[in-house]
């Protein structure tokens, strides 16, 4: 993967996404996760490599990498000369292999299909197992124009992803959080392929050993987060799986939400308990308390979005999962008394973020909560 020029550095209150929903994780060290060539658990660390990295990935495996995303192709004529060796080395070192193709089709759907077909033939030729993840790397470079419009660009990307799926691989879309926010109709991608995003966003420059989820780029549909371009000082991109990923079985990007799947999250704003008919009970969860909920979002009869926490017991989804918003200008983060929160960095214009609960009044001004004792002024949002 070429060096990204569109990576943005983000600070976010939300910590992790699981089946399109945000939860706060406790980081699991790599020693706690069993290595496998066919699957990885959520929070597993991985790398992505191209021809300028070594064909031998054993050093990365020893450093804790559990998956390797190998560049297979670019455009309709370039094939990674080290690709076969890198995929073989990943498998030999108990890493799950994946692949990616560097797109040059801009917003041309017809060309996108041709590039997808070349990516598929390259993946097969290089030995990427059938059923593996195969991503469309969409960014500026090599003549790829990303500014032709969100909708037409998304249609071209979907044309690429459709070809990948039809060939028996699992489609992903790689881009920086900035490109996903500003240059692609990303909701249309996620609607067709839920949890298909591989997003790049770096909190800091230089060596980074493990992800700091305080800086997770908050958006729906993320399967993998690329959080550094210098993992453990090895000059290799570092990634973390946000969801369990597997070559065998149904693709994560196509997996339906199980209504009984258990999730753990954090209540970010005092949450009252409701019945399915919308009636509020006398129970509530305190802010910042842990909560267990089941399945995904659902609608109460009063039309409010909620998550189920027990038998006929629901809390409003916005208090736990948050609401997605975008900054229209740079924004400072404040504490509950109205003073600046020095532990939070300034949000940049165009950055996405999750806010929790309704507007919160501080010194007669409206704010939204973005984290524990962390608020931004309501006026800074689009």
Protein backbone atom coordinates (compact mmCIF):
# COMPACT_ATOMS: atom_id res chain seq x y z
CA UNK A 1 0.00 0.00 0.00
CA UNK A 2 1.41 3.37 -0.93
CA UNK A 3 1.92 5.97 1.76
CA UNK A 4 -1.36 7.68 2.54
CA UNK A 5 -1.59 11.41 2.02
CA UNK A 6 -5.20 11.60 3.16
CA UNK A 7 -4.90 10.03 6.60
CA UNK A 8 -6.41 12.20 9.33
CA UNK A 9 -5.63 12.05 13.02
CA UNK A 10 -8.77 11.70 15.09
CA UNK A 11 -9.73 11.74 18.74
CA UNK A 12 -12.99 9.98 19.49
CA UNK A 13 -15.06 9.09 22.50
CA UNK A 14 -16.33 5.92 20.95
CA UNK A 15 -14.06 2.96 21.28
CA UNK A 16 -15.03 -0.01 19.19
CA UNK A 17 -17.58 -1.18 16.68
CA UNK A 18 -19.15 -4.57 16.78
CA UNK A 19 -21.54 -5.54 13.99
CA UNK A 20 -21.90 -1.87 13.12
CA UNK A 21 -22.38 -0.75 16.71
CA UNK A 22 -20.07 0.96 19.15
CA UNK A 23 -18.84 -0.63 22.36
CA UNK A 24 -15.92 0.16 24.63
CA UNK A 25 -13.29 -2.58 24.65
CA UNK A 26 -10.69 -3.80 27.05
CA UNK A 27 -7.64 -4.42 24.87
CA UNK A 28 -6.66 -8.08 24.64
CA UNK A 29 -2.96 -8.80 24.27
CA UNK A 30 -1.96 -10.89 21.31
CA UNK A 31 -0.74 -13.68 23.56
CA UNK A 32 -4.32 -14.32 24.62
CA UNK A 33 -5.57 -15.07 21.11
CA UNK A 34 -4.89 -18.36 19.35
CA UNK A 35 -3.08 -17.92 16.03
CA UNK A 36 -4.89 -19.30 12.99
CA UNK A 37 -4.59 -19.19 9.21
CA UNK A 38 -8.38 -19.19 8.71
CA UNK A 39 -9.77 -16.87 11.39
CA UNK A 40 -8.91 -14.17 13.91
CA UNK A 41 -10.75 -12.87 16.93
CA UNK A 42 -11.83 -9.29 17.44
CA UNK A 43 -8.91 -7.11 18.61
CA UNK A 44 -6.34 -9.30 16.84
CA UNK A 45 -3.43 -7.30 15.42
CA UNK A 46 -2.33 -7.54 11.80
CA UNK A 47 -0.24 -5.92 9.07
CA UNK A 48 -0.64 -4.96 5.43
CA UNK A 49 2.25 -5.33 3.03
CA UNK A 50 3.25 -4.59 -0.56
CA UNK A 51 6.30 -5.22 -2.74
CA UNK A 52 8.49 -2.82 -0.77
CA UNK A 53 8.13 -5.04 2.32
CA UNK A 54 9.95 -8.33 2.82
CA UNK A 55 8.65 -11.53 1.27
CA UNK A 56 9.35 -13.19 4.62
CA UNK A 57 6.76 -12.17 7.22
CA UNK A 58 8.06 -14.33 10.06
CA UNK A 59 9.41 -11.32 11.97
CA UNK A 60 5.96 -9.73 11.92
CA UNK A 61 4.37 -12.94 13.16
CA UNK A 62 6.86 -13.14 16.01
CA UNK A 63 6.04 -9.52 16.89
CA UNK A 64 2.38 -10.48 17.30
CA UNK A 65 0.74 -10.09 13.90
CA UNK A 66 -2.12 -12.55 13.42
CA UNK A 67 -3.22 -11.56 9.93
CA UNK A 68 -1.53 -10.13 6.84
CA UNK A 69 -3.28 -8.15 4.12
CA UNK A 70 -1.16 -8.53 1.00
CA UNK A 71 -1.30 -6.25 -2.03
CA UNK A 72 -2.18 -8.46 -5.00
CA UNK A 73 -2.65 -5.96 -7.81
CA UNK A 74 -3.10 -2.42 -9.07
CA UNK A 75 -5.09 -1.15 -12.03
CA UNK A 76 -5.29 -3.77 -14.79
CA UNK A 77 -1.61 -4.54 -15.37
CA UNK A 78 0.37 -4.58 -12.11
CA UNK A 79 0.70 -7.71 -9.98
CA UNK A 80 2.74 -7.74 -6.76
CA UNK A 81 5.92 -9.72 -7.55
CA UNK A 82 6.29 -10.66 -3.87
CA UNK A 83 2.61 -11.41 -3.38
CA UNK A 84 2.80 -15.18 -3.67
CA UNK A 85 5.73 -15.38 -1.25
CA UNK A 86 4.06 -13.03 1.23
CA UNK A 87 0.80 -14.99 1.24
CA UNK A 88 2.71 -18.26 1.58
CA UNK A 89 4.80 -16.81 4.42
CA UNK A 90 1.68 -15.54 6.23
CA UNK A 91 0.13 -18.99 6.15
CA UNK A 92 3.39 -20.67 7.17
CA UNK A 93 3.58 -18.36 10.18
CA UNK A 94 -0.01 -18.95 11.32
CA UNK A 95 -1.35 -15.63 10.05
CA UNK A 96 -4.66 -15.38 8.23
CA UNK A 97 -4.01 -14.04 4.71
CA UNK A 98 -6.11 -11.36 3.05
CA UNK A 99 -5.58 -9.32 -0.10
CA UNK A 100 -6.06 -5.85 -1.47
CA UNK A 101 -6.11 -4.17 -4.86
CA UNK A 102 -5.03 -0.55 -5.40
CA UNK A 103 -7.82 1.11 -7.38
CA UNK A 104 -7.19 3.44 -10.32
CA UNK A 105 -10.74 3.47 -11.73
CA UNK A 106 -11.68 6.82 -10.10
CA UNK A 107 -15.48 6.77 -10.48
CA UNK A 108 -15.77 4.65 -13.66
CA UNK A 109 -17.98 1.64 -12.85
CA UNK A 110 -17.09 -0.17 -16.06
CA UNK A 111 -13.37 0.15 -15.37
CA UNK A 112 -14.01 -0.82 -11.74
CA UNK A 113 -15.40 -4.16 -12.92
CA UNK A 114 -12.34 -4.75 -15.09
CA UNK A 115 -10.03 -3.95 -12.19
CA UNK A 116 -11.99 -6.28 -9.93
CA UNK A 117 -11.62 -9.08 -12.45
CA UNK A 118 -7.89 -8.44 -12.61
CA UNK A 119 -7.72 -8.41 -8.80
CA UNK A 120 -9.54 -11.74 -8.70
CA UNK A 121 -7.24 -13.34 -11.24
CA UNK A 122 -4.22 -11.95 -9.38
CA UNK A 123 -5.49 -13.24 -6.03
CA UNK A 124 -5.95 -16.70 -7.49
CA UNK A 125 -2.55 -16.63 -9.21
CA UNK A 126 -0.79 -15.56 -6.01
CA UNK A 127 -2.47 -18.24 -3.91
CA UNK A 128 -4.95 -16.24 -1.84
CA UNK A 129 -7.41 -18.86 -0.53
CA UNK A 130 -10.95 -18.79 -1.86
CA UNK A 131 -13.27 -17.11 0.60
CA UNK A 132 -10.58 -14.69 1.83
CA UNK A 133 -11.13 -10.97 2.25
CA UNK A 134 -10.15 -8.96 -0.82
CA UNK A 135 -10.25 -5.19 -0.41
CA UNK A 136 -10.56 -2.28 -2.79
CA UNK A 137 -7.89 0.23 -1.72
CA UNK A 138 -9.42 3.57 -2.69
CA UNK A 139 -7.23 6.65 -2.26
CA UNK A 140 -5.39 9.35 -4.19
CA UNK A 141 -2.46 8.18 -6.30
CA UNK A 142 -1.51 6.48 -9.55
CA UNK A 143 -4.05 8.62 -11.40
CA UNK A 144 -6.99 7.70 -9.17
CA UNK A 145 -9.27 10.73 -8.87
CA UNK A 146 -11.34 10.71 -5.69
CA UNK A 147 -13.20 14.02 -6.15
CA UNK A 148 -15.77 13.14 -8.81
CA UNK A 149 -18.68 13.03 -6.39
CA UNK A 150 -19.78 10.81 -3.53
CA UNK A 151 -22.60 8.94 -5.26
CA UNK A 152 -20.88 8.15 -8.56
CA UNK A 153 -17.76 7.08 -6.68
CA UNK A 154 -19.73 4.77 -4.40
CA UNK A 155 -21.46 3.18 -7.40
CA UNK A 156 -18.09 2.42 -8.99
CA UNK A 157 -16.76 0.96 -5.74
CA UNK A 158 -19.87 -1.19 -5.35
CA UNK A 159 -19.38 -2.45 -8.91
CA UNK A 160 -15.90 -3.56 -7.86
CA UNK A 161 -17.15 -5.17 -4.65
CA UNK A 162 -19.96 -6.99 -6.46
CA UNK A 163 -17.44 -8.66 -8.76
CA UNK A 164 -15.31 -9.69 -5.77
CA UNK A 165 -18.29 -11.25 -4.02
CA UNK A 166 -19.44 -13.05 -7.17
CA UNK A 167 -16.00 -14.64 -7.44
CA UNK A 168 -16.24 -16.13 -3.96
CA UNK A 169 -14.09 -13.62 -2.07
CA UNK A 170 -15.29 -11.32 0.71
CA UNK A 171 -15.26 -7.65 -0.37
CA UNK A 172 -13.86 -4.87 1.79
CA UNK A 173 -13.33 -1.17 1.13
CA UNK A 174 -10.12 0.48 2.35
CA UNK A 175 -9.90 4.27 2.64
CA UNK A 176 -8.90 6.90 5.13
CA UNK A 177 -11.60 8.18 7.45
CA UNK A 178 -11.39 11.51 5.62
CA UNK A 179 -12.05 9.95 2.22
CA UNK A 180 -14.88 7.82 3.59
CA UNK A 181 -16.44 10.91 5.11
CA UNK A 182 -15.91 13.43 2.32
CA UNK A 183 -15.49 11.62 -1.00
CA UNK A 184 -17.65 8.47 -0.90
CA UNK A 185 -21.32 7.86 -0.18
CA UNK A 186 -20.18 5.43 2.49
CA UNK A 187 -23.67 4.68 3.92
CA UNK A 188 -24.61 3.15 0.56
CA UNK A 189 -21.56 0.88 0.77
CA UNK A 190 -22.36 -0.21 4.30
CA UNK A 191 -26.02 -0.70 3.45
CA UNK A 192 -25.15 -3.30 0.83
CA UNK A 193 -22.09 -4.71 2.60
CA UNK A 194 -22.45 -4.16 6.36
CA UNK A 195 -19.17 -4.20 8.30
CA UNK A 196 -17.08 -4.05 5.14
CA UNK A 197 -14.91 -1.03 5.94
CA UNK A 198 -11.17 -1.08 6.51
CA UNK A 199 -10.54 2.45 7.74
CA UNK A 200 -7.24 4.28 8.17
CA UNK A 201 -6.83 6.93 10.85
CA UNK A 202 -3.68 7.65 12.83
CA UNK A 203 -3.66 9.25 16.28
CA UNK A 204 0.05 10.07 16.20
CA UNK A 205 3.04 9.80 13.88
CA UNK A 206 6.01 7.52 14.47
CA UNK A 207 6.18 4.13 16.14
CA UNK A 208 2.94 2.72 17.56
CA UNK A 209 2.83 -0.74 19.14
CA UNK A 210 -0.88 -1.20 19.79
CA UNK A 211 -4.09 0.69 19.08
CA UNK A 212 -5.38 3.32 21.47
CA UNK A 213 -9.14 3.03 21.12
CA UNK A 214 -9.62 6.54 22.43
CA UNK A 215 -8.73 7.57 18.88
CA UNK A 216 -10.90 5.07 17.06
CA UNK A 217 -12.53 6.75 14.01
CA UNK A 218 -16.20 6.60 14.83
CA UNK A 219 -18.35 5.37 11.96
CA UNK A 220 -20.63 2.44 11.25
CA UNK A 221 -19.50 -0.66 9.42
CA UNK A 222 -15.83 -0.89 10.40
CA UNK A 223 -14.28 -4.37 10.27
CA UNK A 224 -10.59 -3.38 10.42
CA UNK A 225 -8.83 -0.25 11.64
CA UNK A 226 -5.40 0.71 10.30
CA UNK A 227 -4.01 2.79 13.16
CA UNK A 228 -0.35 3.33 12.24
CA UNK A 229 2.12 3.20 9.36
CA UNK A 230 4.98 2.21 11.66
CA UNK A 231 3.89 -0.77 13.73
CA UNK A 232 6.45 -1.59 16.42
CA UNK A 233 9.06 0.40 14.51
CA UNK A 234 8.99 -2.07 11.59
CA UNK A 235 7.89 0.52 8.97
CA UNK A 236 4.82 -1.59 8.28
CA UNK A 237 1.17 -0.55 8.54
CA UNK A 238 -0.46 -1.80 11.73
CA UNK A 239 -4.10 -2.90 11.87
CA UNK A 240 -6.56 -4.27 14.39
CA UNK A 241 -9.59 -6.44 13.69
CA UNK A 242 -12.68 -4.77 15.08
CA UNK A 243 -14.80 -7.86 14.45
CA UNK A 244 -14.05 -11.57 14.35
CA UNK A 245 -12.87 -12.34 10.81
CA UNK A 246 -12.89 -15.70 9.09
CA UNK A 247 -12.10 -17.18 5.70
CA UNK A 248 -14.52 -20.06 6.15
CA UNK A 249 -18.27 -19.65 6.57
CA UNK A 250 -20.38 -16.59 5.88
CA UNK A 251 -18.59 -13.32 5.35
CA UNK A 252 -18.63 -10.89 8.24
CA UNK A 253 -19.70 -8.25 5.73
CA UNK A 254 -22.84 -10.25 4.98
CA UNK A 255 -23.63 -11.64 8.42
CA UNK A 256 -27.12 -10.82 9.72
CA UNK A 257 -27.47 -9.52 13.26
CA UNK A 258 -28.43 -12.27 15.69
CA UNK A 259 -31.09 -10.83 18.06
CA UNK A 260 -29.64 -12.91 20.90
CA UNK A 261 -25.98 -12.01 20.38
CA UNK A 262 -24.65 -10.59 23.65
CA UNK A 263 -22.69 -7.31 23.64
CA UNK A 264 -21.07 -5.30 26.39
CA UNK A 265 -21.03 -1.53 26.28
CA UNK A 266 -20.86 1.54 28.46
CA UNK A 267 -23.75 3.85 29.27
CA UNK A 268 -22.44 7.27 28.29
CA UNK A 269 -25.54 9.20 29.38
CA UNK A 270 -28.03 8.26 32.10
CA UNK A 271 -30.31 5.70 30.48
CA UNK A 272 -33.87 5.02 31.57
CA UNK A 273 -35.35 1.59 30.98
CA UNK A 274 -38.36 1.35 28.68
CA UNK A 275 -40.82 -1.35 27.71
CA UNK A 276 -41.27 -2.27 24.05
CA UNK A 277 -44.49 -0.23 23.96
CA UNK A 278 -42.47 2.90 24.82
CA UNK A 279 -43.56 3.12 28.46
CA UNK A 280 -40.76 4.25 30.77
CA UNK A 281 -40.19 2.14 33.87
CA UNK A 282 -38.72 3.32 37.15
CA UNK A 283 -35.34 1.71 36.43
CA UNK A 284 -32.28 3.39 34.96
CA UNK A 285 -28.54 2.93 34.39
CA UNK A 286 -26.06 5.48 35.68
CA UNK A 287 -23.73 7.23 33.27
CA UNK A 288 -20.45 5.35 32.68
CA UNK A 289 -21.83 2.09 34.07
CA UNK A 290 -21.31 -1.16 32.16
CA UNK A 291 -24.27 -2.64 30.35
CA UNK A 292 -25.06 -5.90 28.58
CA UNK A 293 -27.40 -5.76 25.60
CA UNK A 294 -28.63 -8.20 22.98
CA UNK A 295 -28.73 -8.03 19.19
CA UNK A 296 -28.81 -4.74 17.34
CA UNK A 297 -30.90 -1.61 17.31
CA UNK A 298 -34.66 -1.92 17.34
CA UNK A 299 -37.59 0.49 17.28
CA UNK A 300 -39.94 0.95 20.22
CA UNK A 301 -43.61 1.57 19.47
CA UNK A 302 -43.06 5.28 20.12
CA UNK A 303 -40.57 5.31 17.24
CA UNK A 304 -37.43 5.72 19.36
CA UNK A 305 -34.34 3.67 18.55
CA UNK A 306 -33.36 1.35 21.39
CA UNK A 307 -31.32 -1.70 22.36
CA UNK A 308 -32.64 -4.63 24.39
CA UNK A 309 -31.11 -5.16 27.83
CA UNK A 310 -33.49 -7.85 29.09
CA UNK A 311 -36.95 -9.33 28.70
CA UNK A 312 -39.11 -6.41 27.55
CA UNK A 313 -36.43 -4.02 28.81
CA UNK A 314 -34.82 -1.45 26.53
CA UNK A 315 -32.65 1.66 26.77
CA UNK A 316 -32.31 4.37 24.15
CA UNK A 317 -29.55 3.47 21.70
CA UNK A 318 -28.15 7.00 21.65
CA UNK A 319 -27.17 6.71 25.32
CA UNK A 320 -24.91 3.72 24.61
CA UNK A 321 -24.16 3.56 20.89
CA UNK A 322 -24.30 7.29 20.28
CA UNK A 323 -25.38 9.38 17.31
CA UNK A 324 -23.03 10.00 14.37
CA UNK A 325 -22.24 13.65 13.74
CA UNK A 326 -19.69 15.61 11.70
CA UNK A 327 -17.86 18.77 12.71
CA UNK A 328 -18.40 21.82 10.50
CA UNK A 329 -15.41 23.54 12.11
CA UNK A 330 -12.52 22.79 14.46
CA UNK A 331 -13.83 22.17 17.95
CA UNK A 332 -12.39 22.19 21.46
CA UNK A 333 -13.47 19.69 24.11
CA UNK A 334 -14.73 20.96 27.47
CA UNK A 335 -15.35 19.57 30.93
CA UNK A 336 -18.70 19.62 32.69
CA UNK A 337 -17.89 22.94 34.38
CA UNK A 338 -17.22 24.64 31.04
CA UNK A 339 -13.42 24.68 31.28
CA UNK A 340 -11.25 23.19 28.54
CA UNK A 341 -10.54 19.47 28.86
CA UNK A 342 -6.78 19.33 28.35
CA UNK A 343 -6.72 15.54 28.01
CA UNK A 344 -8.60 15.73 24.71
CA UNK A 345 -7.19 17.00 21.43
CA UNK A 346 -9.01 19.50 19.24
CA UNK A 347 -11.37 17.90 16.75
CA UNK A 348 -10.72 18.91 13.15
CA UNK A 349 -13.32 20.17 10.69
CA UNK A 350 -14.93 17.28 8.81
CA UNK A 351 -14.08 14.68 11.46
CA UNK A 352 -16.83 12.22 12.43
CA UNK A 353 -17.71 11.59 16.07
CA UNK A 354 -20.34 9.91 18.21
CA UNK A 355 -22.35 12.01 20.67
CA UNK A 356 -24.36 10.56 23.52
CA UNK A 357 -27.77 11.52 24.83
CA UNK A 358 -29.59 14.82 24.28
CA UNK A 359 -28.10 18.28 24.37
CA UNK A 360 -26.50 19.18 27.69
CA UNK A 361 -26.58 22.72 29.07
CA UNK A 362 -23.35 24.12 30.53
CA UNK A 363 -23.34 27.79 31.59
CA UNK A 364 -26.46 28.37 29.46
CA UNK A 365 -24.82 26.97 26.31
CA UNK A 366 -25.79 23.74 24.54
CA UNK A 367 -23.21 20.93 24.38
CA UNK A 368 -23.12 17.29 23.34
CA UNK A 369 -21.29 14.66 25.35
CA UNK A 370 -18.54 12.83 23.44
CA UNK A 371 -16.94 11.00 26.36
CA UNK A 372 -16.59 10.93 30.13
CA UNK A 373 -16.59 14.55 31.30
CA UNK A 374 -16.00 15.54 27.67
CA UNK A 375 -18.34 17.88 25.82
CA UNK A 376 -18.32 19.87 22.59
CA UNK A 377 -20.53 22.81 21.74
CA UNK A 378 -23.64 21.87 19.78
CA UNK A 379 -23.08 24.74 17.35
CA UNK A 380 -19.94 23.12 15.88
CA UNK A 381 -21.88 20.35 14.12
CA UNK A 382 -23.31 20.36 10.62
